[in-house]
Structures are given as structure tokens and as C-alpha cells.
């Protein structure tokens, strides 16, 4: 079965404290959904378009599990705390078997 991934790219963060509050709630939701954080905004070397944005990558055992974690009550509570001062491109993608 192919794994599922949450991929978040942050083009703009003007409220880092608000993002920290969201992250605390989101971390609990990811753990409850058996997700594993693979990358959390570490170093980036940009090629091609040259954009070095914060990237977060979270792995789940399946695409369905990743989608269910997003729809979970715990993650929906985290989304309520997501700050207006943060721009994010969020995707759920399916890996390769």
C-alpha cells in the first residue's frame, strides 16, 4: 500500500507566535493519526526557481490515513488556531508503492 504525505510550504510567515500555537495542536493531531514528521523547516538549498521557503513533510502509512488525519476532530481544532498572518500551500499526496 502506498504511503500518504502531508506537504506544507510556507511562502510567508508574519505571525511566528501564532504558528507556534497552531503547531502544538497540529502535532497532537498528527501523533493521534500515527503520522511521522520527516522534515520541519530545516535547511533548504533552492534550485530552479530559487525559492527557499519553510517546508514541512509528514508521512502516514497510507493516503487514506493521511486524509483521515486531516479530517479528524483534533486537526480541525488545530486549523481553527491557524493564524491569519501565515500563508501556506498544503497538500495531501499519495506516495509510490
PDB file of N, CA and C in Angstrom:
ATOM      1  N   UNK A   1       0.835  -1.173   0.000  1.00  0.00           N
ATOM      2  CA  UNK A   1       0.000   0.000   0.000  1.00  0.00           C
ATOM      3  C   UNK A   1       0.890   1.250   0.000  1.00  0.00           C
ATOM      4  N   UNK A   2       0.537   2.213  -0.829  1.00  0.00           N
ATOM      5  CA  UNK A   2       1.304   3.452  -0.921  1.00  0.00           C
ATOM      6  C   UNK A   2       1.097   4.316   0.318  1.00  0.00           C
ATOM      7  N   UNK A   3       2.159   4.943   0.757  1.00  0.00           N
ATOM      8  CA  UNK A   3       2.074   5.838   1.910  1.00  0.00           C
ATOM      9  C   UNK A   3       1.417   7.148   1.493  1.00  0.00           C
ATOM     10  N   UNK A   4       0.976   7.895   2.488  1.00  0.00           N
ATOM     11  CA  UNK A   4       0.394   9.206   2.261  1.00  0.00           C
ATOM     12  C   UNK A   4       1.252  10.255   2.943  1.00  0.00           C
ATOM     13  N   UNK A   5       1.235  11.452   2.392  1.00  0.00           N
ATOM     14  CA  UNK A   5       2.073  12.526   2.922  1.00  0.00           C
ATOM     15  C   UNK A   5       1.292  13.827   3.004  1.00  0.00           C
ATOM     16  N   UNK A   6       1.562  14.564   4.049  1.00  0.00           N
ATOM     17  CA  UNK A   6       1.150  15.962   4.124  1.00  0.00           C
ATOM     18  C   UNK A   6       2.365  16.776   3.720  1.00  0.00           C
ATOM     19  N   UNK A   7       2.184  17.683   2.775  1.00  0.00           N
ATOM     20  CA  UNK A   7       3.269  18.565   2.356  1.00  0.00           C
ATOM     21  C   UNK A   7       2.779  20.002   2.537  1.00  0.00           C
ATOM     22  N   UNK A   8       3.492  20.748   3.348  1.00  0.00           N
ATOM     23  CA  UNK A   8       3.143  22.146   3.597  1.00  0.00           C
ATOM     24  C   UNK A   8       4.330  23.031   3.215  1.00  0.00           C
ATOM     25  N   UNK A   9       4.060  24.055   2.428  1.00  0.00           N
ATOM     26  CA  UNK A   9       5.073  25.039   2.064  1.00  0.00           C
ATOM     27  C   UNK A   9       4.550  26.390   2.538  1.00  0.00           C
ATOM     28  N   UNK A  10       5.427  27.141   3.187  1.00  0.00           N
ATOM     29  CA  UNK A  10       5.049  28.415   3.804  1.00  0.00           C
ATOM     30  C   UNK A  10       5.717  29.586   3.071  1.00  0.00           C
ATOM     31  N   UNK A  11       5.020  30.209   2.113  1.00  0.00           N
ATOM     32  CA  UNK A  11       5.596  31.356   1.403  1.00  0.00           C
ATOM     33  C   UNK A  11       5.785  32.586   2.287  1.00  0.00           C
ATOM     34  N   UNK A  12       4.928  32.750   3.304  1.00  0.00           N
ATOM     35  CA  UNK A  12       5.030  33.944   4.145  1.00  0.00           C
ATOM     36  C   UNK A  12       4.597  33.629   5.571  1.00  0.00           C
ATOM     37  N   UNK A  13       5.416  34.059   6.533  1.00  0.00           N
ATOM     38  CA  UNK A  13       5.096  33.889   7.951  1.00  0.00           C
ATOM     39  C   UNK A  13       5.321  35.228   8.640  1.00  0.00           C
ATOM     40  N   UNK A  14       4.224  35.932   8.930  1.00  0.00           N
ATOM     41  CA  UNK A  14       4.346  37.207   9.637  1.00  0.00           C
ATOM     42  C   UNK A  14       3.844  37.108  11.077  1.00  0.00           C
ATOM     43  N   UNK A  15       3.400  35.898  11.480  1.00  0.00           N
ATOM     44  CA  UNK A  15       2.949  35.675  12.857  1.00  0.00           C
ATOM     45  C   UNK A  15       3.559  34.374  13.378  1.00  0.00           C
ATOM     46  N   UNK A  16       4.878  34.358  13.650  1.00  0.00           N
ATOM     47  CA  UNK A  16       5.512  33.119  14.100  1.00  0.00           C
ATOM     48  C   UNK A  16       4.971  32.603  15.432  1.00  0.00           C
ATOM     49  N   UNK A  17       4.537  33.493  16.331  1.00  0.00           N
ATOM     50  CA  UNK A  17       3.974  33.042  17.608  1.00  0.00           C
ATOM     51  C   UNK A  17       2.648  32.323  17.391  1.00  0.00           C
ATOM     52  N   UNK A  18       1.832  32.856  16.494  1.00  0.00           N
ATOM     53  CA  UNK A  18       0.569  32.187  16.159  1.00  0.00           C
ATOM     54  C   UNK A  18       0.815  30.831  15.536  1.00  0.00           C
ATOM     55  N   UNK A  19       1.849  30.727  14.715  1.00  0.00           N
ATOM     56  CA  UNK A  19       2.184  29.453  14.088  1.00  0.00           C
ATOM     57  C   UNK A  19       2.643  28.443  15.137  1.00  0.00           C
ATOM     58  N   UNK A  20       3.345  28.905  16.159  1.00  0.00           N
ATOM     59  CA  UNK A  20       3.778  28.017  17.241  1.00  0.00           C
ATOM     60  C   UNK A  20       2.573  27.445  17.975  1.00  0.00           C
ATOM     61  N   UNK A  21       1.565  28.263  18.231  1.00  0.00           N
ATOM     62  CA  UNK A  21       0.350  27.789  18.908  1.00  0.00           C
ATOM     63  C   UNK A  21      -0.361  26.744  18.053  1.00  0.00           C
ATOM     64  N   UNK A  22      -0.483  26.994  16.748  1.00  0.00           N
ATOM     65  CA  UNK A  22      -1.077  26.013  15.830  1.00  0.00           C
ATOM     66  C   UNK A  22      -0.267  24.726  15.838  1.00  0.00           C
ATOM     67  N   UNK A  23       1.062  24.843  15.778  1.00  0.00           N
ATOM     68  CA  UNK A  23       1.928  23.659  15.707  1.00  0.00           C
ATOM     69  C   UNK A  23       1.727  22.730  16.895  1.00  0.00           C
ATOM     70  N   UNK A  24       1.514  23.282  18.078  1.00  0.00           N
ATOM     71  CA  UNK A  24       1.294  22.440  19.262  1.00  0.00           C
ATOM     72  C   UNK A  24       0.047  21.575  19.090  1.00  0.00           C
ATOM     73  N   UNK A  25      -1.018  22.174  18.593  1.00  0.00           N
ATOM     74  CA  UNK A  25      -2.258  21.412  18.377  1.00  0.00           C
ATOM     75  C   UNK A  25      -2.114  20.445  17.205  1.00  0.00           C
ATOM     76  N   UNK A  26      -1.478  20.889  16.141  1.00  0.00           N
ATOM     77  CA  UNK A  26      -1.307  20.034  14.957  1.00  0.00           C
ATOM     78  C   UNK A  26      -0.447  18.824  15.282  1.00  0.00           C
ATOM     79  N   UNK A  27       0.591  19.012  16.091  1.00  0.00           N
ATOM     80  CA  UNK A  27       1.470  17.903  16.477  1.00  0.00           C
ATOM     81  C   UNK A  27       0.666  16.802  17.160  1.00  0.00           C
ATOM     82  N   UNK A  28      -0.246  17.176  18.050  1.00  0.00           N
ATOM     83  CA  UNK A  28      -1.084  16.187  18.742  1.00  0.00           C
ATOM     84  C   UNK A  28      -1.969  15.433  17.751  1.00  0.00           C
ATOM     85  N   UNK A  29      -2.525  16.150  16.788  1.00  0.00           N
ATOM     86  CA  UNK A  29      -3.385  15.515  15.782  1.00  0.00           C
ATOM     87  C   UNK A  29      -2.593  14.556  14.896  1.00  0.00           C
ATOM     88  N   UNK A  30      -1.385  14.955  14.517  1.00  0.00           N
ATOM     89  CA  UNK A  30      -0.532  14.097  13.685  1.00  0.00           C
ATOM     90  C   UNK A  30      -0.159  12.833  14.456  1.00  0.00           C
ATOM     91  N   UNK A  31       0.204  12.976  15.714  1.00  0.00           N
ATOM     92  CA  UNK A  31       0.554  11.817  16.546  1.00  0.00           C
ATOM     93  C   UNK A  31      -0.650  10.886  16.701  1.00  0.00           C
ATOM     94  N   UNK A  32      -1.837  11.452  16.915  1.00  0.00           N
ATOM     95  CA  UNK A  32      -3.049  10.631  17.064  1.00  0.00           C
ATOM     96  C   UNK A  32      -3.356   9.871  15.773  1.00  0.00           C
ATOM     97  N   UNK A  33      -2.973  10.437  14.625  1.00  0.00           N
ATOM     98  CA  UNK A  33      -3.192   9.779  13.339  1.00  0.00           C
ATOM     99  C   UNK A  33      -2.032   8.911  12.907  1.00  0.00           C
ATOM    100  N   UNK A  34      -1.091   8.669  13.820  1.00  0.00           N
ATOM    101  CA  UNK A  34       0.103   7.849  13.552  1.00  0.00           C
ATOM    102  C   UNK A  34       0.989   8.416  12.445  1.00  0.00           C
ATOM    103  N   UNK A  35       1.006   9.736  12.331  1.00  0.00           N
ATOM    104  CA  UNK A  35       1.881  10.383  11.358  1.00  0.00           C
ATOM    105  C   UNK A  35       3.277  10.565  11.926  1.00  0.00           C
ATOM    106  N   UNK A  36       4.252  10.674  11.013  1.00  0.00           N
ATOM    107  CA  UNK A  36       5.653  10.864  11.392  1.00  0.00           C
ATOM    108  C   UNK A  36       6.195  12.094  10.677  1.00  0.00           C
ATOM    109  N   UNK A  37       6.711  13.026  11.436  1.00  0.00           N
ATOM    110  CA  UNK A  37       7.291  14.235  10.849  1.00  0.00           C
ATOM    111  C   UNK A  37       8.658  13.878  10.275  1.00  0.00           C
ATOM    112  N   UNK A  38       8.817  14.075   8.978  1.00  0.00           N
ATOM    113  CA  UNK A  38      10.082  13.776   8.301  1.00  0.00           C
ATOM    114  C   UNK A  38      10.941  15.026   8.127  1.00  0.00           C
ATOM    115  N   UNK A  39      10.293  16.158   7.978  1.00  0.00           N
ATOM    116  CA  UNK A  39      11.006  17.423   7.820  1.00  0.00           C
ATOM    117  C   UNK A  39      10.146  18.522   8.423  1.00  0.00           C
ATOM    118  N   UNK A  40      10.805  19.477   9.096  1.00  0.00           N
ATOM    119  CA  UNK A  40      10.049  20.504   9.801  1.00  0.00           C
ATOM    120  C   UNK A  40      10.691  21.880   9.594  1.00  0.00           C
ATOM    121  N   UNK A  41      11.023  22.187   8.380  1.00  0.00           N
ATOM    122  CA  UNK A  41      11.532  23.522   8.105  1.00  0.00           C
ATOM    123  C   UNK A  41      13.016  23.697   8.335  1.00  0.00           C
ATOM    124  N   UNK A  42      13.773  22.636   8.163  1.00  0.00           N
ATOM    125  CA  UNK A  42      15.224  22.732   8.302  1.00  0.00           C
ATOM    126  C   UNK A  42      15.853  23.442   7.116  1.00  0.00           C
ATOM    127  N   UNK A  43      17.106  23.148   6.895  1.00  0.00           N
ATOM    128  CA  UNK A  43      17.852  23.816   5.817  1.00  0.00           C
ATOM    129  C   UNK A  43      17.271  23.465   4.446  1.00  0.00           C
ATOM    130  N   UNK A  44      17.303  24.453   3.573  1.00  0.00           N
ATOM    131  CA  UNK A  44      16.816  24.295   2.200  1.00  0.00           C
ATOM    132  C   UNK A  44      17.866  24.842   1.248  1.00  0.00           C
ATOM    133  N   UNK A  45      18.192  24.085   0.231  1.00  0.00           N
ATOM    134  CA  UNK A  45      19.009  24.581  -0.878  1.00  0.00           C
ATOM    135  C   UNK A  45      18.073  24.640  -2.071  1.00  0.00           C
ATOM    136  N   UNK A  46      17.837  25.830  -2.573  1.00  0.00           N
ATOM    137  CA  UNK A  46      16.880  26.009  -3.653  1.00  0.00           C
ATOM    138  C   UNK A  46      17.576  25.968  -5.008  1.00  0.00           C
ATOM    139  N   UNK A  47      16.948  25.286  -5.950  1.00  0.00           N
ATOM    140  CA  UNK A  47      17.393  25.239  -7.345  1.00  0.00           C
ATOM    141  C   UNK A  47      16.211  25.660  -8.214  1.00  0.00           C
ATOM    142  N   UNK A  48      16.437  25.796  -9.463  1.00  0.00           N
ATOM    143  CA  UNK A  48      15.410  26.156 -10.439  1.00  0.00           C
ATOM    144  C   UNK A  48      14.820  27.529 -10.113  1.00  0.00           C
ATOM    145  N   UNK A  49      13.657  27.608  -9.468  1.00  0.00           N
ATOM    146  CA  UNK A  49      13.025  28.905  -9.194  1.00  0.00           C
ATOM    147  C   UNK A  49      13.735  29.663  -8.068  1.00  0.00           C
ATOM    148  N   UNK A  50      14.550  28.968  -7.278  1.00  0.00           N
ATOM    149  CA  UNK A  50      15.351  29.631  -6.266  1.00  0.00           C
ATOM    150  C   UNK A  50      14.600  30.110  -5.046  1.00  0.00           C
ATOM    151  N   UNK A  51      13.510  29.467  -4.692  1.00  0.00           N
ATOM    152  CA  UNK A  51      12.695  29.899  -3.560  1.00  0.00           C
ATOM    153  C   UNK A  51      12.999  29.016  -2.353  1.00  0.00           C
ATOM    154  N   UNK A  52      13.467  29.629  -1.283  1.00  0.00           N
ATOM    155  CA  UNK A  52      13.789  28.870  -0.063  1.00  0.00           C
ATOM    156  C   UNK A  52      12.718  29.144   0.987  1.00  0.00           C
ATOM    157  N   UNK A  53      11.661  28.383   0.934  1.00  0.00           N
ATOM    158  CA  UNK A  53      10.555  28.527   1.869  1.00  0.00           C
ATOM    159  C   UNK A  53      10.581  27.387   2.875  1.00  0.00           C
ATOM    160  N   UNK A  54       9.972  27.622   4.023  1.00  0.00           N
ATOM    161  CA  UNK A  54       9.830  26.566   5.017  1.00  0.00           C
ATOM    162  C   UNK A  54       8.967  25.459   4.416  1.00  0.00           C
ATOM    163  N   UNK A  55       9.423  24.204   4.566  1.00  0.00           N
ATOM    164  CA  UNK A  55       8.690  23.040   4.075  1.00  0.00           C
ATOM    165  C   UNK A  55       8.542  22.048   5.222  1.00  0.00           C
ATOM    166  N   UNK A  56       7.320  21.537   5.390  1.00  0.00           N
ATOM    167  CA  UNK A  56       7.059  20.503   6.394  1.00  0.00           C
ATOM    168  C   UNK A  56       6.549  19.275   5.653  1.00  0.00           C
ATOM    169  N   UNK A  57       7.128  18.111   5.965  1.00  0.00           N
ATOM    170  CA  UNK A  57       6.749  16.853   5.330  1.00  0.00           C
ATOM    171  C   UNK A  57       6.400  15.848   6.420  1.00  0.00           C
ATOM    172  N   UNK A  58       5.180  15.306   6.353  1.00  0.00           N
ATOM    173  CA  UNK A  58       4.697  14.337   7.342  1.00  0.00           C
ATOM    174  C   UNK A  58       4.239  13.090   6.605  1.00  0.00           C
ATOM    175  N   UNK A  59       4.670  11.931   7.085  1.00  0.00           N
ATOM    176  CA  UNK A  59       4.366  10.651   6.443  1.00  0.00           C
ATOM    177  C   UNK A  59       3.331   9.872   7.253  1.00  0.00           C
ATOM    178  N   UNK A  60       2.399   9.241   6.535  1.00  0.00           N
ATOM    179  CA  UNK A  60       1.410   8.336   7.117  1.00  0.00           C
ATOM    180  C   UNK A  60       1.516   6.997   6.405  1.00  0.00           C
ATOM    181  N   UNK A  61       1.009   5.958   7.010  1.00  0.00           N
ATOM    182  CA  UNK A  61       1.119   4.617   6.427  1.00  0.00           C
ATOM    183  C   UNK A  61       0.329   4.450   5.134  1.00  0.00           C
ATOM    184  N   UNK A  62      -0.672   5.314   4.903  1.00  0.00           N
ATOM    185  CA  UNK A  62      -1.447   5.245   3.662  1.00  0.00           C
ATOM    186  C   UNK A  62      -2.018   6.624   3.337  1.00  0.00           C
ATOM    187  N   UNK A  63      -2.420   6.797   2.095  1.00  0.00           N
ATOM    188  CA  UNK A  63      -3.073   8.033   1.675  1.00  0.00           C
ATOM    189  C   UNK A  63      -4.363   8.234   2.460  1.00  0.00           C
ATOM    190  N   UNK A  64      -5.110   7.158   2.640  1.00  0.00           N
ATOM    191  CA  UNK A  64      -6.373   7.231   3.373  1.00  0.00           C
ATOM    192  C   UNK A  64      -6.159   7.681   4.814  1.00  0.00           C
ATOM    193  N   UNK A  65      -5.091   7.184   5.431  1.00  0.00           N
ATOM    194  CA  UNK A  65      -4.773   7.574   6.801  1.00  0.00           C
ATOM    195  C   UNK A  65      -4.407   9.057   6.861  1.00  0.00           C
ATOM    196  N   UNK A  66      -3.674   9.546   5.864  1.00  0.00           N
ATOM    197  CA  UNK A  66      -3.312  10.961   5.809  1.00  0.00           C
ATOM    198  C   UNK A  66      -4.557  11.829   5.659  1.00  0.00           C
ATOM    199  N   UNK A  67      -5.470  11.416   4.785  1.00  0.00           N
ATOM    200  CA  UNK A  67      -6.713  12.167   4.585  1.00  0.00           C
ATOM    201  C   UNK A  67      -7.573  12.141   5.842  1.00  0.00           C
ATOM    202  N   UNK A  68      -7.655  10.999   6.496  1.00  0.00           N
ATOM    203  CA  UNK A  68      -8.459  10.875   7.717  1.00  0.00           C
ATOM    204  C   UNK A  68      -7.880  11.740   8.837  1.00  0.00           C
ATOM    205  N   UNK A  69      -6.569  11.815   8.933  1.00  0.00           N
ATOM    206  CA  UNK A  69      -5.944  12.641   9.964  1.00  0.00           C
ATOM    207  C   UNK A  69      -6.291  14.112   9.741  1.00  0.00           C
ATOM    208  N   UNK A  70      -6.335  14.538   8.482  1.00  0.00           N
ATOM    209  CA  UNK A  70      -6.701  15.920   8.175  1.00  0.00           C
ATOM    210  C   UNK A  70      -8.140  16.202   8.591  1.00  0.00           C
ATOM    211  N   UNK A  71      -9.019  15.246   8.354  1.00  0.00           N
ATOM    212  CA  UNK A  71     -10.441  15.412   8.663  1.00  0.00           C
ATOM    213  C   UNK A  71     -10.761  15.176  10.136  1.00  0.00           C
ATOM    214  N   UNK A  72      -9.795  14.711  10.903  1.00  0.00           N
ATOM    215  CA  UNK A  72     -10.043  14.379  12.309  1.00  0.00           C
ATOM    216  C   UNK A  72     -10.458  15.598  13.118  1.00  0.00           C
ATOM    217  N   UNK A  73     -11.182  15.345  14.188  1.00  0.00           N
ATOM    218  CA  UNK A  73     -11.607  16.423  15.080  1.00  0.00           C
ATOM    219  C   UNK A  73     -10.397  17.162  15.659  1.00  0.00           C
ATOM    220  N   UNK A  74      -9.357  16.409  15.992  1.00  0.00           N
ATOM    221  CA  UNK A  74      -8.161  17.023  16.577  1.00  0.00           C
ATOM    222  C   UNK A  74      -7.508  17.994  15.595  1.00  0.00           C
ATOM    223  N   UNK A  75      -7.403  17.615  14.323  1.00  0.00           N
ATOM    224  CA  UNK A  75      -6.756  18.517  13.373  1.00  0.00           C
ATOM    225  C   UNK A  75      -7.659  19.692  13.011  1.00  0.00           C
ATOM    226  N   UNK A  76      -8.953  19.462  12.989  1.00  0.00           N
ATOM    227  CA  UNK A  76      -9.865  20.572  12.721  1.00  0.00           C
ATOM    228  C   UNK A  76      -9.758  21.632  13.817  1.00  0.00           C
ATOM    229  N   UNK A  77      -9.523  21.218  15.064  1.00  0.00           N
ATOM    230  CA  UNK A  77      -9.282  22.170  16.152  1.00  0.00           C
ATOM    231  C   UNK A  77      -7.988  22.933  15.905  1.00  0.00           C
ATOM    232  N   UNK A  78      -6.978  22.254  15.407  1.00  0.00           N
ATOM    233  CA  UNK A  78      -5.714  22.924  15.090  1.00  0.00           C
ATOM    234  C   UNK A  78      -5.920  23.969  14.000  1.00  0.00           C
ATOM    235  N   UNK A  79      -6.721  23.642  13.000  1.00  0.00           N
ATOM    236  CA  UNK A  79      -6.955  24.591  11.906  1.00  0.00           C
ATOM    237  C   UNK A  79      -7.630  25.867  12.384  1.00  0.00           C
ATOM    238  N   UNK A  80      -8.480  25.751  13.389  1.00  0.00           N
ATOM    239  CA  UNK A  80      -9.117  26.944  13.947  1.00  0.00           C
ATOM    240  C   UNK A  80      -8.053  27.885  14.510  1.00  0.00           C
ATOM    241  N   UNK A  81      -6.960  27.313  15.017  1.00  0.00           N
ATOM    242  CA  UNK A  81      -5.873  28.116  15.600  1.00  0.00           C
ATOM    243  C   UNK A  81      -4.866  28.598  14.559  1.00  0.00           C
ATOM    244  N   UNK A  82      -5.019  28.188  13.298  1.00  0.00           N
ATOM    245  CA  UNK A  82      -4.054  28.591  12.273  1.00  0.00           C
ATOM    246  C   UNK A  82      -4.124  30.105  12.098  1.00  0.00           C
ATOM    247  N   UNK A  83      -2.991  30.795  12.231  1.00  0.00           N
ATOM    248  CA  UNK A  83      -3.017  32.259  12.244  1.00  0.00           C
ATOM    249  C   UNK A  83      -3.237  32.880  10.868  1.00  0.00           C
ATOM    250  N   UNK A  84      -3.900  34.036  10.876  1.00  0.00           N
ATOM    251  CA  UNK A  84      -4.114  34.786   9.639  1.00  0.00           C
ATOM    252  C   UNK A  84      -2.805  35.298   9.058  1.00  0.00           C
ATOM    253  N   UNK A  85      -1.797  35.483   9.901  1.00  0.00           N
ATOM    254  CA  UNK A  85      -0.524  36.027   9.466  1.00  0.00           C
ATOM    255  C   UNK A  85       0.425  35.005   8.867  1.00  0.00           C
ATOM    256  N   UNK A  86      -0.121  33.880   8.418  1.00  0.00           N
ATOM    257  CA  UNK A  86       0.712  32.829   7.817  1.00  0.00           C
ATOM    258  C   UNK A  86       0.070  32.383   6.513  1.00  0.00           C
ATOM    259  N   UNK A  87       0.863  32.374   5.450  1.00  0.00           N
ATOM    260  CA  UNK A  87       0.404  31.864   4.159  1.00  0.00           C
ATOM    261  C   UNK A  87       0.987  30.470   3.970  1.00  0.00           C
ATOM    262  N   UNK A  88       0.130  29.519   3.571  1.00  0.00           N
ATOM    263  CA  UNK A  88       0.583  28.137   3.449  1.00  0.00           C
ATOM    264  C   UNK A  88      -0.057  27.481   2.238  1.00  0.00           C
ATOM    265  N   UNK A  89       0.732  26.647   1.561  1.00  0.00           N
ATOM    266  CA  UNK A  89       0.241  25.775   0.491  1.00  0.00           C
ATOM    267  C   UNK A  89       0.288  24.369   1.073  1.00  0.00           C
ATOM    268  N   UNK A  90      -0.870  23.751   1.314  1.00  0.00           N
ATOM    269  CA  UNK A  90      -0.965  22.444   1.973  1.00  0.00           C
ATOM    270  C   UNK A  90      -1.528  21.420   0.991  1.00  0.00           C
ATOM    271  N   UNK A  91      -0.893  20.262   0.934  1.00  0.00           N
ATOM    272  CA  UNK A  91      -1.375  19.186   0.045  1.00  0.00           C
ATOM    273  C   UNK A  91      -1.272  17.847   0.748  1.00  0.00           C
ATOM    274  N   UNK A  92      -2.169  16.950   0.388  1.00  0.00           N
ATOM    275  CA  UNK A  92      -2.067  15.550   0.783  1.00  0.00           C
ATOM    276  C   UNK A  92      -1.769  14.781  -0.496  1.00  0.00           C
ATOM    277  N   UNK A  93      -0.654  14.053  -0.486  1.00  0.00           N
ATOM    278  CA  UNK A  93      -0.261  13.343  -1.702  1.00  0.00           C
ATOM    279  C   UNK A  93      -0.059  11.862  -1.424  1.00  0.00           C
ATOM    280  N   UNK A  94      -0.210  11.072  -2.460  1.00  0.00           N
ATOM    281  CA  UNK A  94      -0.002   9.632  -2.366  1.00  0.00           C
ATOM    282  C   UNK A  94       1.401   9.304  -2.840  1.00  0.00           C
ATOM    283  N   UNK A  95       2.098   8.469  -2.058  1.00  0.00           N
ATOM    284  CA  UNK A  95       3.429   8.023  -2.436  1.00  0.00           C
ATOM    285  C   UNK A  95       3.360   6.893  -3.457  1.00  0.00           C
ATOM    286  N   UNK A  96       4.507   6.344  -3.748  1.00  0.00           N
ATOM    287  CA  UNK A  96       4.608   5.245  -4.707  1.00  0.00           C
ATOM    288  C   UNK A  96       4.712   3.947  -3.940  1.00  0.00           C
ATOM    289  N   UNK A  97       3.986   2.927  -4.390  1.00  0.00           N
ATOM    290  CA  UNK A  97       4.068   1.598  -3.740  1.00  0.00           C
ATOM    291  C   UNK A  97       5.490   1.085  -3.745  1.00  0.00           C
TER     292      UNK A  97
END
